[in-house]
Amino acid sequence: MKHLVLVLAVLVSGLGFSQIDDNWEDVSEKLPGYVITNNGEKIEGYLKRFLKIKSQRKVKFFNTLDDKPIVYDPKDLKAYKIENDYYETHPYEGLNGKTKVFLLRTVEGKINLFDYYIRVEDDKGRELTLSKEGNKEISLDFDGTKIQTEILAVKDGKEYLKFTSPKLMFSFKGVMSKYVSDYPELAKKIKNKEKGYRILGILKIVNEYNEHFIH
């Protein structure tokens, strides 16, 4: 069971350099991007990159390279973009999952996929890639923690599906086929547990779904 949760929870992982986490933005360069306010206004400017976990909780924005920064948190913005990385605000954290955070979008379409990064303690104090296979990669950082990536799907901007939910893990074919029921052929493949359309085929399923609705 533990192995199954790990496989589902991790899509892409990165190194978390905790020694510089607090001042990473002080030494990082200002990169072009924009913020989108809660009223839909898009403001272009420059942003400083934080590390993965801190990027989920705040963003430092500059109107020009010489201006003082404006710090936003998820309650202030709908989204922001820094260089090629696009973050949207969604409810995810907390016991009830209703606390908003910035989530990195990894797949764009009728179904969007977002990554949520969490730090997990480990007893090895060195930087080391533990594994890199298929849709799973786990790395240790210097202080002996690892960053895992949970996946959130958002269909049509409102239908949420959390891939670490027990309901999905134990009834994947039922939950996922219902989620894509507006594409009956795909839903049937999932219900029938065809090769490539089971629980480890999340990316394949979402990409096939999105491509269907482009045409």
N, C-alpha and C. Protein backbone atom coordinates (compact mmCIF):
# COMPACT_ATOMS: atom_id res chain seq x y z
N MET A 1 0.82 -1.19 0.00
CA MET A 1 0.00 0.00 0.00
C MET A 1 0.86 1.26 0.00
N LYS A 2 1.92 1.25 0.81
CA LYS A 2 2.81 2.39 0.89
C LYS A 2 3.45 2.67 -0.46
N HIS A 3 3.82 1.58 -1.16
CA HIS A 3 4.45 1.73 -2.47
C HIS A 3 3.45 2.31 -3.47
N LEU A 4 2.19 1.87 -3.38
CA LEU A 4 1.16 2.35 -4.29
C LEU A 4 0.93 3.84 -4.11
N VAL A 5 0.84 4.29 -2.86
CA VAL A 5 0.65 5.71 -2.59
C VAL A 5 1.81 6.52 -3.16
N LEU A 6 3.03 6.00 -3.00
CA LEU A 6 4.21 6.71 -3.49
C LEU A 6 4.17 6.86 -5.00
N VAL A 7 3.80 5.79 -5.67
CA VAL A 7 3.74 5.83 -7.13
C VAL A 7 2.72 6.85 -7.60
N LEU A 8 1.57 6.90 -6.94
CA LEU A 8 0.53 7.84 -7.35
C LEU A 8 0.88 9.27 -7.00
N ALA A 9 1.54 9.45 -5.86
CA ALA A 9 1.78 10.80 -5.37
C ALA A 9 2.89 11.50 -6.11
N VAL A 10 3.77 10.76 -6.76
CA VAL A 10 4.95 11.38 -7.33
C VAL A 10 4.90 11.33 -8.85
N LEU A 11 4.91 12.49 -9.46
CA LEU A 11 5.04 12.56 -10.91
C LEU A 11 6.41 13.07 -11.27
N VAL A 12 6.77 14.21 -10.73
CA VAL A 12 8.09 14.77 -10.96
C VAL A 12 8.59 15.31 -9.64
N SER A 13 9.83 15.06 -9.29
CA SER A 13 10.40 15.58 -8.05
C SER A 13 11.63 16.39 -8.36
N GLY A 14 11.97 17.31 -7.43
CA GLY A 14 13.15 18.13 -7.63
C GLY A 14 13.93 18.21 -6.35
N LEU A 15 15.12 18.77 -6.43
CA LEU A 15 15.96 18.92 -5.25
C LEU A 15 15.49 20.10 -4.42
N GLY A 16 15.48 19.95 -3.10
CA GLY A 16 15.12 21.04 -2.20
C GLY A 16 16.33 21.44 -1.40
N PHE A 17 16.99 22.51 -1.80
CA PHE A 17 18.23 22.90 -1.12
C PHE A 17 17.88 23.76 0.09
N SER A 18 17.66 23.10 1.23
CA SER A 18 17.13 23.79 2.39
C SER A 18 18.10 24.81 2.96
N GLN A 19 19.38 24.64 2.71
CA GLN A 19 20.35 25.59 3.27
C GLN A 19 20.15 27.00 2.70
N ILE A 20 19.65 27.09 1.45
CA ILE A 20 19.49 28.41 0.85
C ILE A 20 18.02 28.76 0.64
N ASP A 21 17.15 27.97 1.21
CA ASP A 21 15.72 28.16 0.98
C ASP A 21 15.25 29.53 1.44
N ASP A 22 15.77 30.02 2.56
CA ASP A 22 15.30 31.27 3.12
C ASP A 22 15.74 32.49 2.33
N ASN A 23 16.89 32.41 1.65
CA ASN A 23 17.37 33.59 0.95
C ASN A 23 17.59 33.36 -0.54
N TRP A 24 16.97 32.32 -1.06
CA TRP A 24 17.14 32.01 -2.48
C TRP A 24 16.75 33.19 -3.35
N GLU A 25 15.63 33.88 -2.99
CA GLU A 25 15.17 34.98 -3.82
C GLU A 25 16.13 36.16 -3.80
N ASP A 26 16.96 36.26 -2.74
CA ASP A 26 17.92 37.38 -2.66
C ASP A 26 19.02 37.25 -3.69
N VAL A 27 19.35 36.02 -4.07
CA VAL A 27 20.45 35.83 -5.02
C VAL A 27 19.94 35.47 -6.42
N SER A 28 18.64 35.25 -6.57
CA SER A 28 18.10 34.89 -7.88
C SER A 28 17.85 36.15 -8.70
N GLU A 29 17.85 35.99 -10.02
CA GLU A 29 17.65 37.13 -10.91
C GLU A 29 16.17 37.40 -11.10
N LYS A 30 15.86 38.62 -11.55
CA LYS A 30 14.49 38.99 -11.87
C LYS A 30 14.18 38.49 -13.28
N LEU A 31 13.07 37.77 -13.39
CA LEU A 31 12.69 37.16 -14.66
C LEU A 31 11.37 37.75 -15.15
N PRO A 32 11.18 37.85 -16.47
CA PRO A 32 9.93 38.41 -16.99
C PRO A 32 8.74 37.51 -16.69
N GLY A 33 7.60 38.12 -16.50
CA GLY A 33 6.39 37.37 -16.23
C GLY A 33 5.22 38.30 -15.98
N TYR A 34 4.21 37.79 -15.29
CA TYR A 34 3.04 38.62 -14.99
C TYR A 34 2.26 38.01 -13.84
N VAL A 35 1.37 38.82 -13.28
CA VAL A 35 0.42 38.35 -12.27
C VAL A 35 -0.98 38.64 -12.79
N ILE A 36 -1.94 37.82 -12.38
CA ILE A 36 -3.35 38.05 -12.69
C ILE A 36 -4.09 38.23 -11.38
N THR A 37 -4.65 39.40 -11.18
CA THR A 37 -5.32 39.72 -9.93
C THR A 37 -6.67 39.01 -9.85
N ASN A 38 -7.30 39.09 -8.69
CA ASN A 38 -8.58 38.43 -8.50
C ASN A 38 -9.70 39.02 -9.36
N ASN A 39 -9.52 40.25 -9.81
CA ASN A 39 -10.53 40.85 -10.70
C ASN A 39 -10.20 40.64 -12.17
N GLY A 40 -9.17 39.81 -12.44
CA GLY A 40 -8.85 39.45 -13.81
C GLY A 40 -7.84 40.34 -14.50
N GLU A 41 -7.31 41.33 -13.80
CA GLU A 41 -6.34 42.24 -14.42
C GLU A 41 -4.97 41.55 -14.55
N LYS A 42 -4.40 41.60 -15.74
CA LYS A 42 -3.07 41.04 -15.99
C LYS A 42 -2.04 42.16 -15.94
N ILE A 43 -1.05 42.01 -15.06
CA ILE A 43 -0.03 43.04 -14.88
C ILE A 43 1.33 42.43 -15.22
N GLU A 44 1.94 42.90 -16.27
CA GLU A 44 3.24 42.38 -16.69
C GLU A 44 4.37 43.08 -15.94
N GLY A 45 5.45 42.35 -15.73
CA GLY A 45 6.58 42.91 -15.02
C GLY A 45 7.66 41.86 -14.87
N TYR A 46 8.23 41.79 -13.66
CA TYR A 46 9.32 40.85 -13.38
C TYR A 46 9.06 40.18 -12.04
N LEU A 47 9.54 38.93 -11.92
CA LEU A 47 9.37 38.18 -10.68
C LEU A 47 10.69 37.53 -10.31
N LYS A 48 10.85 37.27 -9.03
CA LYS A 48 12.01 36.52 -8.56
C LYS A 48 11.60 35.10 -8.22
N ARG A 49 12.43 34.17 -8.65
CA ARG A 49 12.09 32.77 -8.47
C ARG A 49 12.38 32.29 -7.05
N PHE A 50 11.40 31.63 -6.46
CA PHE A 50 11.58 30.95 -5.19
C PHE A 50 11.81 29.46 -5.48
N LEU A 51 12.16 28.72 -4.45
CA LEU A 51 12.23 27.27 -4.60
C LEU A 51 10.81 26.68 -4.64
N LYS A 52 10.73 25.40 -4.94
CA LYS A 52 9.46 24.78 -5.26
C LYS A 52 8.37 24.99 -4.22
N ILE A 53 8.68 24.73 -2.96
CA ILE A 53 7.64 24.80 -1.93
C ILE A 53 7.26 26.25 -1.62
N LYS A 54 8.24 27.13 -1.54
CA LYS A 54 7.93 28.53 -1.25
C LYS A 54 7.17 29.18 -2.39
N SER A 55 7.39 28.72 -3.63
CA SER A 55 6.67 29.27 -4.78
C SER A 55 5.17 29.02 -4.68
N GLN A 56 4.77 28.06 -3.86
CA GLN A 56 3.36 27.75 -3.68
C GLN A 56 2.67 28.71 -2.72
N ARG A 57 3.46 29.49 -1.99
CA ARG A 57 2.90 30.29 -0.92
C ARG A 57 3.04 31.79 -1.12
N LYS A 58 3.95 32.22 -1.98
CA LYS A 58 4.08 33.66 -2.22
C LYS A 58 4.83 33.89 -3.52
N VAL A 59 4.69 35.13 -4.02
CA VAL A 59 5.40 35.55 -5.21
C VAL A 59 5.85 36.99 -5.02
N LYS A 60 7.06 37.28 -5.46
CA LYS A 60 7.62 38.63 -5.33
C LYS A 60 7.63 39.26 -6.72
N PHE A 61 6.84 40.32 -6.89
CA PHE A 61 6.62 40.94 -8.19
C PHE A 61 7.20 42.35 -8.24
N PHE A 62 7.79 42.69 -9.40
CA PHE A 62 8.36 44.01 -9.64
C PHE A 62 7.72 44.59 -10.91
N ASN A 63 7.18 45.81 -10.82
CA ASN A 63 6.61 46.44 -12.02
C ASN A 63 7.70 46.74 -13.05
N THR A 64 8.85 47.20 -12.57
CA THR A 64 10.02 47.41 -13.42
C THR A 64 11.23 46.82 -12.69
N LEU A 65 12.34 46.75 -13.39
CA LEU A 65 13.54 46.17 -12.78
C LEU A 65 14.03 46.99 -11.59
N ASP A 66 13.69 48.28 -11.56
CA ASP A 66 14.18 49.15 -10.50
C ASP A 66 13.18 49.38 -9.38
N ASP A 67 11.95 48.91 -9.55
CA ASP A 67 10.93 49.13 -8.52
C ASP A 67 11.14 48.24 -7.31
N LYS A 68 10.55 48.67 -6.19
CA LYS A 68 10.53 47.83 -5.01
C LYS A 68 9.52 46.70 -5.23
N PRO A 69 9.74 45.54 -4.60
CA PRO A 69 8.86 44.40 -4.86
C PRO A 69 7.50 44.52 -4.17
N ILE A 70 6.53 43.88 -4.77
CA ILE A 70 5.22 43.69 -4.16
C ILE A 70 5.08 42.19 -3.91
N VAL A 71 4.81 41.82 -2.67
CA VAL A 71 4.69 40.40 -2.33
C VAL A 71 3.22 40.01 -2.29
N TYR A 72 2.88 39.01 -3.10
CA TYR A 72 1.51 38.49 -3.15
C TYR A 72 1.47 37.09 -2.56
N ASP A 73 0.33 36.74 -1.96
CA ASP A 73 0.11 35.35 -1.58
C ASP A 73 -1.14 34.85 -2.30
N PRO A 74 -1.50 33.58 -2.17
CA PRO A 74 -2.59 33.02 -2.98
C PRO A 74 -3.94 33.72 -2.85
N LYS A 75 -4.21 34.36 -1.74
CA LYS A 75 -5.50 35.03 -1.60
C LYS A 75 -5.56 36.30 -2.45
N ASP A 76 -4.41 36.78 -2.92
CA ASP A 76 -4.35 38.03 -3.67
C ASP A 76 -4.45 37.86 -5.18
N LEU A 77 -4.16 36.65 -5.70
CA LEU A 77 -4.04 36.47 -7.14
C LEU A 77 -4.80 35.25 -7.63
N LYS A 78 -5.20 35.29 -8.92
CA LYS A 78 -5.72 34.11 -9.59
C LYS A 78 -4.60 33.25 -10.14
N ALA A 79 -3.52 33.92 -10.58
CA ALA A 79 -2.42 33.19 -11.20
C ALA A 79 -1.20 34.09 -11.32
N TYR A 80 -0.07 33.48 -11.59
CA TYR A 80 1.12 34.24 -12.00
C TYR A 80 1.98 33.37 -12.89
N LYS A 81 2.80 34.06 -13.70
CA LYS A 81 3.72 33.36 -14.59
C LYS A 81 5.09 33.95 -14.43
N ILE A 82 6.10 33.09 -14.26
CA ILE A 82 7.49 33.52 -14.21
C ILE A 82 8.25 32.73 -15.27
N GLU A 83 8.74 33.44 -16.25
CA GLU A 83 9.39 32.84 -17.41
C GLU A 83 8.43 31.81 -18.03
N ASN A 84 8.75 30.51 -18.01
CA ASN A 84 7.87 29.51 -18.63
C ASN A 84 6.99 28.77 -17.63
N ASP A 85 7.07 29.11 -16.35
CA ASP A 85 6.29 28.42 -15.32
C ASP A 85 5.03 29.19 -14.99
N TYR A 86 3.89 28.51 -15.08
CA TYR A 86 2.60 29.14 -14.83
C TYR A 86 1.96 28.52 -13.59
N TYR A 87 1.59 29.37 -12.63
CA TYR A 87 0.98 28.94 -11.38
C TYR A 87 -0.45 29.48 -11.28
N GLU A 88 -1.36 28.63 -10.82
CA GLU A 88 -2.73 29.06 -10.56
C GLU A 88 -3.07 28.84 -9.09
N THR A 89 -3.99 29.64 -8.60
CA THR A 89 -4.45 29.51 -7.22
C THR A 89 -5.58 28.49 -7.13
N HIS A 90 -5.39 27.50 -6.25
CA HIS A 90 -6.43 26.48 -6.05
C HIS A 90 -6.45 26.07 -4.58
N PRO A 91 -7.62 25.66 -4.07
CA PRO A 91 -7.68 25.12 -2.71
C PRO A 91 -7.04 23.75 -2.66
N TYR A 92 -6.11 23.56 -1.72
CA TYR A 92 -5.43 22.27 -1.67
C TYR A 92 -4.96 21.89 -0.27
N GLU A 93 -4.42 22.83 0.48
CA GLU A 93 -3.79 22.50 1.75
C GLU A 93 -4.80 22.42 2.90
N GLY A 94 -4.30 22.00 4.06
CA GLY A 94 -5.11 21.93 5.27
C GLY A 94 -5.86 20.63 5.40
N LEU A 95 -6.46 20.41 6.56
CA LEU A 95 -7.16 19.17 6.83
C LEU A 95 -8.35 18.96 5.89
N ASN A 96 -9.01 20.05 5.52
CA ASN A 96 -10.15 19.93 4.62
C ASN A 96 -9.79 20.28 3.18
N GLY A 97 -8.51 20.58 2.93
CA GLY A 97 -8.06 20.86 1.58
C GLY A 97 -8.59 22.15 0.99
N LYS A 98 -8.99 23.09 1.84
CA LYS A 98 -9.62 24.32 1.35
C LYS A 98 -8.71 25.54 1.43
N THR A 99 -7.52 25.37 1.96
CA THR A 99 -6.57 26.49 2.00
C THR A 99 -5.94 26.66 0.62
N LYS A 100 -5.97 27.87 0.09
CA LYS A 100 -5.48 28.11 -1.26
C LYS A 100 -3.96 28.20 -1.31
N VAL A 101 -3.41 27.66 -2.39
CA VAL A 101 -1.97 27.75 -2.66
C VAL A 101 -1.79 27.96 -4.16
N PHE A 102 -0.59 28.40 -4.54
CA PHE A 102 -0.23 28.47 -5.95
C PHE A 102 0.24 27.08 -6.40
N LEU A 103 -0.36 26.54 -7.47
CA LEU A 103 0.04 25.24 -7.98
C LEU A 103 0.62 25.39 -9.38
N LEU A 104 1.71 24.69 -9.64
CA LEU A 104 2.39 24.73 -10.93
C LEU A 104 1.62 23.89 -11.95
N ARG A 105 1.24 24.52 -13.06
CA ARG A 105 0.52 23.78 -14.11
C ARG A 105 1.51 23.02 -14.99
N THR A 106 1.28 21.73 -15.14
CA THR A 106 2.17 20.89 -15.94
C THR A 106 1.53 20.42 -17.24
N VAL A 107 0.20 20.37 -17.28
CA VAL A 107 -0.52 20.00 -18.49
C VAL A 107 -1.68 20.97 -18.65
N GLU A 108 -1.80 21.54 -19.86
CA GLU A 108 -2.87 22.50 -20.14
C GLU A 108 -3.85 21.90 -21.14
N GLY A 109 -5.14 22.05 -20.86
CA GLY A 109 -6.16 21.55 -21.75
C GLY A 109 -7.52 21.62 -21.09
N LYS A 110 -8.48 20.85 -21.61
CA LYS A 110 -9.79 20.78 -20.97
C LYS A 110 -9.63 20.24 -19.55
N ILE A 111 -8.70 19.30 -19.40
CA ILE A 111 -8.25 18.89 -18.06
C ILE A 111 -6.85 19.45 -17.86
N ASN A 112 -6.67 20.29 -16.87
CA ASN A 112 -5.35 20.78 -16.49
C ASN A 112 -4.79 19.92 -15.37
N LEU A 113 -3.49 19.67 -15.41
CA LEU A 113 -2.82 18.99 -14.31
C LEU A 113 -1.91 19.96 -13.61
N PHE A 114 -1.89 19.89 -12.28
CA PHE A 114 -1.06 20.75 -11.46
C PHE A 114 -0.23 19.92 -10.50
N ASP A 115 0.96 20.42 -10.19
CA ASP A 115 1.84 19.77 -9.22
C ASP A 115 1.78 20.50 -7.89
N TYR A 116 1.75 19.72 -6.82
CA TYR A 116 1.85 20.26 -5.46
C TYR A 116 3.03 19.57 -4.78
N TYR A 117 3.96 20.36 -4.27
CA TYR A 117 5.19 19.82 -3.70
C TYR A 117 5.11 19.74 -2.18
N ILE A 118 5.55 18.60 -1.65
CA ILE A 118 5.61 18.43 -0.21
C ILE A 118 6.98 17.89 0.17
N ARG A 119 7.44 18.29 1.34
CA ARG A 119 8.74 17.84 1.84
C ARG A 119 8.53 16.67 2.80
N VAL A 120 9.28 15.61 2.59
CA VAL A 120 9.15 14.39 3.40
C VAL A 120 10.50 14.11 4.06
N GLU A 121 10.46 13.84 5.36
CA GLU A 121 11.69 13.59 6.09
C GLU A 121 12.32 12.26 5.70
N ASP A 122 13.65 12.23 5.73
CA ASP A 122 14.40 11.03 5.44
C ASP A 122 15.63 11.05 6.33
N ASP A 123 16.24 9.91 6.55
CA ASP A 123 17.37 9.86 7.48
C ASP A 123 18.73 9.96 6.78
N LYS A 124 18.75 10.27 5.49
CA LYS A 124 20.02 10.35 4.77
C LYS A 124 20.35 11.82 4.49
N GLY A 125 21.46 12.29 5.04
CA GLY A 125 21.83 13.68 4.90
C GLY A 125 22.76 13.96 3.76
N ARG A 126 22.34 13.69 2.54
CA ARG A 126 23.18 13.99 1.39
C ARG A 126 22.29 14.16 0.16
N GLU A 127 22.88 14.71 -0.87
CA GLU A 127 22.14 14.88 -2.12
C GLU A 127 22.29 13.62 -2.95
N LEU A 128 21.15 13.03 -3.33
CA LEU A 128 21.22 11.76 -4.03
C LEU A 128 19.90 11.51 -4.75
N THR A 129 19.97 11.11 -6.00
CA THR A 129 18.78 10.68 -6.72
C THR A 129 18.52 9.22 -6.40
N LEU A 130 17.39 8.95 -5.77
CA LEU A 130 17.06 7.59 -5.36
C LEU A 130 16.56 6.76 -6.53
N SER A 131 15.68 7.34 -7.32
CA SER A 131 15.14 6.57 -8.44
C SER A 131 14.62 7.51 -9.51
N LYS A 132 14.62 7.04 -10.72
CA LYS A 132 14.09 7.78 -11.86
C LYS A 132 13.59 6.77 -12.86
N GLU A 133 12.29 6.49 -12.78
CA GLU A 133 11.72 5.42 -13.60
C GLU A 133 10.28 5.76 -13.95
N GLY A 134 10.00 5.80 -15.23
CA GLY A 134 8.64 6.09 -15.67
C GLY A 134 8.19 7.45 -15.19
N ASN A 135 7.06 7.50 -14.49
CA ASN A 135 6.53 8.78 -14.02
C ASN A 135 6.90 9.04 -12.56
N LYS A 136 8.00 8.44 -12.11
CA LYS A 136 8.41 8.60 -10.72
C LYS A 136 9.87 8.97 -10.65
N GLU A 137 10.16 10.03 -9.90
CA GLU A 137 11.54 10.40 -9.64
C GLU A 137 11.62 10.97 -8.24
N ILE A 138 12.54 10.46 -7.44
CA ILE A 138 12.69 10.93 -6.06
C ILE A 138 14.14 11.30 -5.82
N SER A 139 14.36 12.51 -5.27
CA SER A 139 15.71 12.96 -4.97
C SER A 139 15.80 13.41 -3.52
N LEU A 140 16.93 13.18 -2.91
CA LEU A 140 17.20 13.67 -1.57
C LEU A 140 17.99 14.96 -1.66
N ASP A 141 17.72 15.89 -0.75
CA ASP A 141 18.53 17.10 -0.70
C ASP A 141 19.53 17.00 0.46
N PHE A 142 20.27 18.08 0.70
CA PHE A 142 21.40 18.03 1.62
C PHE A 142 21.01 17.69 3.06
N ASP A 143 19.84 18.13 3.51
CA ASP A 143 19.50 17.93 4.91
C ASP A 143 18.72 16.64 5.15
N GLY A 144 18.68 15.79 4.14
CA GLY A 144 18.05 14.50 4.33
C GLY A 144 16.55 14.52 4.22
N THR A 145 16.01 15.41 3.40
CA THR A 145 14.59 15.38 3.11
C THR A 145 14.41 15.20 1.62
N LYS A 146 13.24 14.78 1.24
CA LYS A 146 12.96 14.64 -0.18
C LYS A 146 11.66 15.37 -0.51
N ILE A 147 11.57 15.80 -1.74
CA ILE A 147 10.37 16.49 -2.19
C ILE A 147 9.58 15.56 -3.09
N GLN A 148 8.33 15.34 -2.73
CA GLN A 148 7.44 14.53 -3.54
C GLN A 148 6.41 15.45 -4.19
N THR A 149 5.86 15.00 -5.29
CA THR A 149 4.92 15.81 -6.04
C THR A 149 3.58 15.11 -6.13
N GLU A 150 2.55 15.74 -5.59
CA GLU A 150 1.19 15.25 -5.72
C GLU A 150 0.55 15.92 -6.93
N ILE A 151 -0.39 15.22 -7.54
CA ILE A 151 -1.02 15.70 -8.76
C ILE A 151 -2.48 16.05 -8.51
N LEU A 152 -2.88 17.21 -9.01
CA LEU A 152 -4.28 17.63 -8.96
C LEU A 152 -4.77 17.85 -10.38
N ALA A 153 -5.93 17.28 -10.72
CA ALA A 153 -6.56 17.52 -12.01
C ALA A 153 -7.71 18.49 -11.82
N VAL A 154 -7.86 19.42 -12.77
CA VAL A 154 -8.97 20.37 -12.74
C VAL A 154 -9.60 20.38 -14.13
N LYS A 155 -10.83 19.89 -14.20
CA LYS A 155 -11.55 19.81 -15.48
C LYS A 155 -12.48 21.00 -15.63
N ASP A 156 -12.37 21.68 -16.77
CA ASP A 156 -13.21 22.84 -17.07
C ASP A 156 -13.13 23.91 -15.98
N GLY A 157 -12.02 23.96 -15.29
CA GLY A 157 -11.80 25.00 -14.27
C GLY A 157 -12.58 24.82 -12.99
N LYS A 158 -13.29 23.67 -12.83
CA LYS A 158 -14.13 23.54 -11.63
C LYS A 158 -14.22 22.13 -11.06
N GLU A 159 -14.02 21.11 -11.88
CA GLU A 159 -14.15 19.73 -11.39
C GLU A 159 -12.78 19.21 -10.94
N TYR A 160 -12.61 19.05 -9.64
CA TYR A 160 -11.31 18.69 -9.06
C TYR A 160 -11.20 17.18 -8.88
N LEU A 161 -9.99 16.68 -9.12
CA LEU A 161 -9.70 15.27 -8.86
C LEU A 161 -8.29 15.17 -8.31
N LYS A 162 -8.20 14.74 -7.06
CA LYS A 162 -6.90 14.60 -6.39
C LYS A 162 -6.43 13.16 -6.52
N PHE A 163 -5.25 12.98 -7.11
CA PHE A 163 -4.81 11.63 -7.45
C PHE A 163 -4.29 10.84 -6.25
N THR A 164 -4.18 11.48 -5.10
CA THR A 164 -3.78 10.74 -3.90
C THR A 164 -4.97 10.38 -3.03
N SER A 165 -6.18 10.66 -3.49
CA SER A 165 -7.36 10.35 -2.67
C SER A 165 -7.56 8.84 -2.60
N PRO A 166 -7.88 8.32 -1.42
CA PRO A 166 -8.11 6.87 -1.27
C PRO A 166 -9.18 6.34 -2.21
N LYS A 167 -10.22 7.14 -2.45
CA LYS A 167 -11.31 6.70 -3.31
C LYS A 167 -10.80 6.41 -4.72
N LEU A 168 -9.93 7.28 -5.23
CA LEU A 168 -9.40 7.07 -6.57
C LEU A 168 -8.46 5.88 -6.61
N MET A 169 -7.63 5.74 -5.58
CA MET A 169 -6.65 4.65 -5.57
C MET A 169 -7.31 3.28 -5.53
N PHE A 170 -8.42 3.16 -4.80
CA PHE A 170 -9.06 1.86 -4.64
C PHE A 170 -10.15 1.60 -5.68
N SER A 171 -10.56 2.66 -6.39
CA SER A 171 -11.58 2.47 -7.42
C SER A 171 -11.24 3.35 -8.62
N PHE A 172 -10.05 3.14 -9.15
CA PHE A 172 -9.58 4.00 -10.23
C PHE A 172 -10.49 3.94 -11.44
N LYS A 173 -10.84 2.74 -11.87
CA LYS A 173 -11.63 2.62 -13.10
C LYS A 173 -12.99 3.30 -12.97
N GLY A 174 -13.59 3.22 -11.78
CA GLY A 174 -14.89 3.85 -11.57
C GLY A 174 -14.80 5.36 -11.52
N VAL A 175 -13.84 5.88 -10.72
CA VAL A 175 -13.70 7.32 -10.55
C VAL A 175 -13.23 7.99 -11.83
N MET A 176 -12.20 7.41 -12.45
CA MET A 176 -11.61 8.05 -13.62
C MET A 176 -12.53 7.96 -14.83
N SER A 177 -13.20 6.83 -15.01
CA SER A 177 -14.11 6.72 -16.16
C SER A 177 -15.27 7.70 -16.04
N LYS A 178 -15.73 7.94 -14.83
CA LYS A 178 -16.78 8.94 -14.61
C LYS A 178 -16.26 10.34 -14.89
N TYR A 179 -15.01 10.61 -14.51
CA TYR A 179 -14.41 11.93 -14.70
C TYR A 179 -14.30 12.29 -16.18
N VAL A 180 -14.09 11.27 -17.05
CA VAL A 180 -13.95 11.52 -18.49
C VAL A 180 -15.15 10.98 -19.26
N SER A 181 -16.29 10.90 -18.60
CA SER A 181 -17.47 10.29 -19.21
C SER A 181 -17.98 11.03 -20.43
N ASP A 182 -17.60 12.30 -20.61
CA ASP A 182 -18.01 13.04 -21.80
C ASP A 182 -17.17 12.65 -23.02
N TYR A 183 -16.25 11.70 -22.84
CA TYR A 183 -15.53 11.07 -23.95
C TYR A 183 -15.73 9.56 -23.77
N PRO A 184 -16.88 9.03 -24.22
CA PRO A 184 -17.28 7.65 -23.93
C PRO A 184 -16.25 6.60 -24.33
N GLU A 185 -15.59 6.78 -25.47
CA GLU A 185 -14.63 5.78 -25.92
C GLU A 185 -13.47 5.63 -24.93
N LEU A 186 -13.00 6.75 -24.41
CA LEU A 186 -11.92 6.72 -23.43
C LEU A 186 -12.41 6.13 -22.11
N ALA A 187 -13.59 6.52 -21.69
CA ALA A 187 -14.16 5.99 -20.45
C ALA A 187 -14.29 4.47 -20.52
N LYS A 188 -14.64 3.94 -21.68
CA LYS A 188 -14.79 2.50 -21.85
C LYS A 188 -13.44 1.80 -21.71
N LYS A 189 -12.38 2.38 -22.26
CA LYS A 189 -11.05 1.79 -22.14
C LYS A 189 -10.62 1.69 -20.68
N ILE A 190 -10.96 2.72 -19.90
CA ILE A 190 -10.61 2.73 -18.48
C ILE A 190 -11.43 1.69 -17.72
N LYS A 191 -12.71 1.63 -18.00
CA LYS A 191 -13.58 0.65 -17.33
C LYS A 191 -13.13 -0.78 -17.60
N ASN A 192 -12.66 -1.01 -18.83
CA ASN A 192 -12.23 -2.36 -19.21
C ASN A 192 -10.79 -2.67 -18.81
N LYS A 193 -10.13 -1.71 -18.16
CA LYS A 193 -8.75 -1.87 -17.69
C LYS A 193 -7.81 -2.27 -18.83
N GLU A 194 -7.99 -1.62 -19.98
CA GLU A 194 -7.12 -1.90 -21.10
C GLU A 194 -5.70 -1.47 -20.79
N LYS A 195 -4.74 -2.09 -21.45
CA LYS A 195 -3.33 -1.79 -21.22
C LYS A 195 -3.06 -0.32 -21.50
N GLY A 196 -2.41 0.35 -20.56
CA GLY A 196 -2.09 1.76 -20.70
C GLY A 196 -3.16 2.68 -20.16
N TYR A 197 -4.30 2.12 -19.71
CA TYR A 197 -5.41 2.94 -19.23
C TYR A 197 -5.75 2.60 -17.78
N ARG A 198 -4.73 2.14 -17.07
CA ARG A 198 -4.92 1.87 -15.64
C ARG A 198 -4.31 3.00 -14.83
N ILE A 199 -4.10 2.75 -13.57
CA ILE A 199 -3.76 3.82 -12.64
C ILE A 199 -2.41 4.48 -12.95
N LEU A 200 -1.48 3.77 -13.58
CA LEU A 200 -0.18 4.37 -13.90
C LEU A 200 -0.19 5.08 -15.25
N GLY A 201 -1.34 5.07 -15.92
CA GLY A 201 -1.43 5.74 -17.23
C GLY A 201 -2.10 7.09 -17.17
N ILE A 202 -1.94 7.79 -16.04
CA ILE A 202 -2.63 9.05 -15.83
C ILE A 202 -2.31 10.07 -16.94
N LEU A 203 -1.05 10.25 -17.25
CA LEU A 203 -0.67 11.23 -18.27
C LEU A 203 -1.22 10.85 -19.64
N LYS A 204 -1.14 9.58 -19.98
CA LYS A 204 -1.67 9.11 -21.26
C LYS A 204 -3.16 9.39 -21.35
N ILE A 205 -3.88 9.10 -20.29
CA ILE A 205 -5.33 9.31 -20.28
C ILE A 205 -5.68 10.79 -20.44
N VAL A 206 -5.03 11.63 -19.67
CA VAL A 206 -5.33 13.06 -19.72
C VAL A 206 -4.96 13.65 -21.08
N ASN A 207 -3.80 13.28 -21.60
CA ASN A 207 -3.39 13.80 -22.91
C ASN A 207 -4.35 13.35 -24.01
N GLU A 208 -4.78 12.09 -23.96
CA GLU A 208 -5.72 11.60 -24.97
C GLU A 208 -7.06 12.32 -24.86
N TYR A 209 -7.49 12.56 -23.64
CA TYR A 209 -8.74 13.30 -23.41
C TYR A 209 -8.63 14.71 -23.99
N ASN A 210 -7.57 15.41 -23.67
CA ASN A 210 -7.42 16.79 -24.13
C ASN A 210 -7.32 16.88 -25.64
N GLU A 211 -6.61 15.96 -26.24
CA GLU A 211 -6.45 15.96 -27.70
C GLU A 211 -7.81 15.75 -28.39
N HIS A 212 -8.64 14.93 -27.78
CA HIS A 212 -9.97 14.66 -28.34
C HIS A 212 -10.80 15.93 -28.46
N PHE A 213 -10.69 16.80 -27.47
CA PHE A 213 -11.53 17.99 -27.46
C PHE A 213 -10.90 19.18 -28.18
N ILE A 214 -9.69 19.01 -28.70
CA ILE A 214 -9.07 20.05 -29.53
C ILE A 214 -9.68 20.02 -30.93
N HIS A 215 -9.98 18.82 -31.40
CA HIS A 215 -10.43 18.64 -32.80
C HIS A 215 -11.93 18.86 -32.92
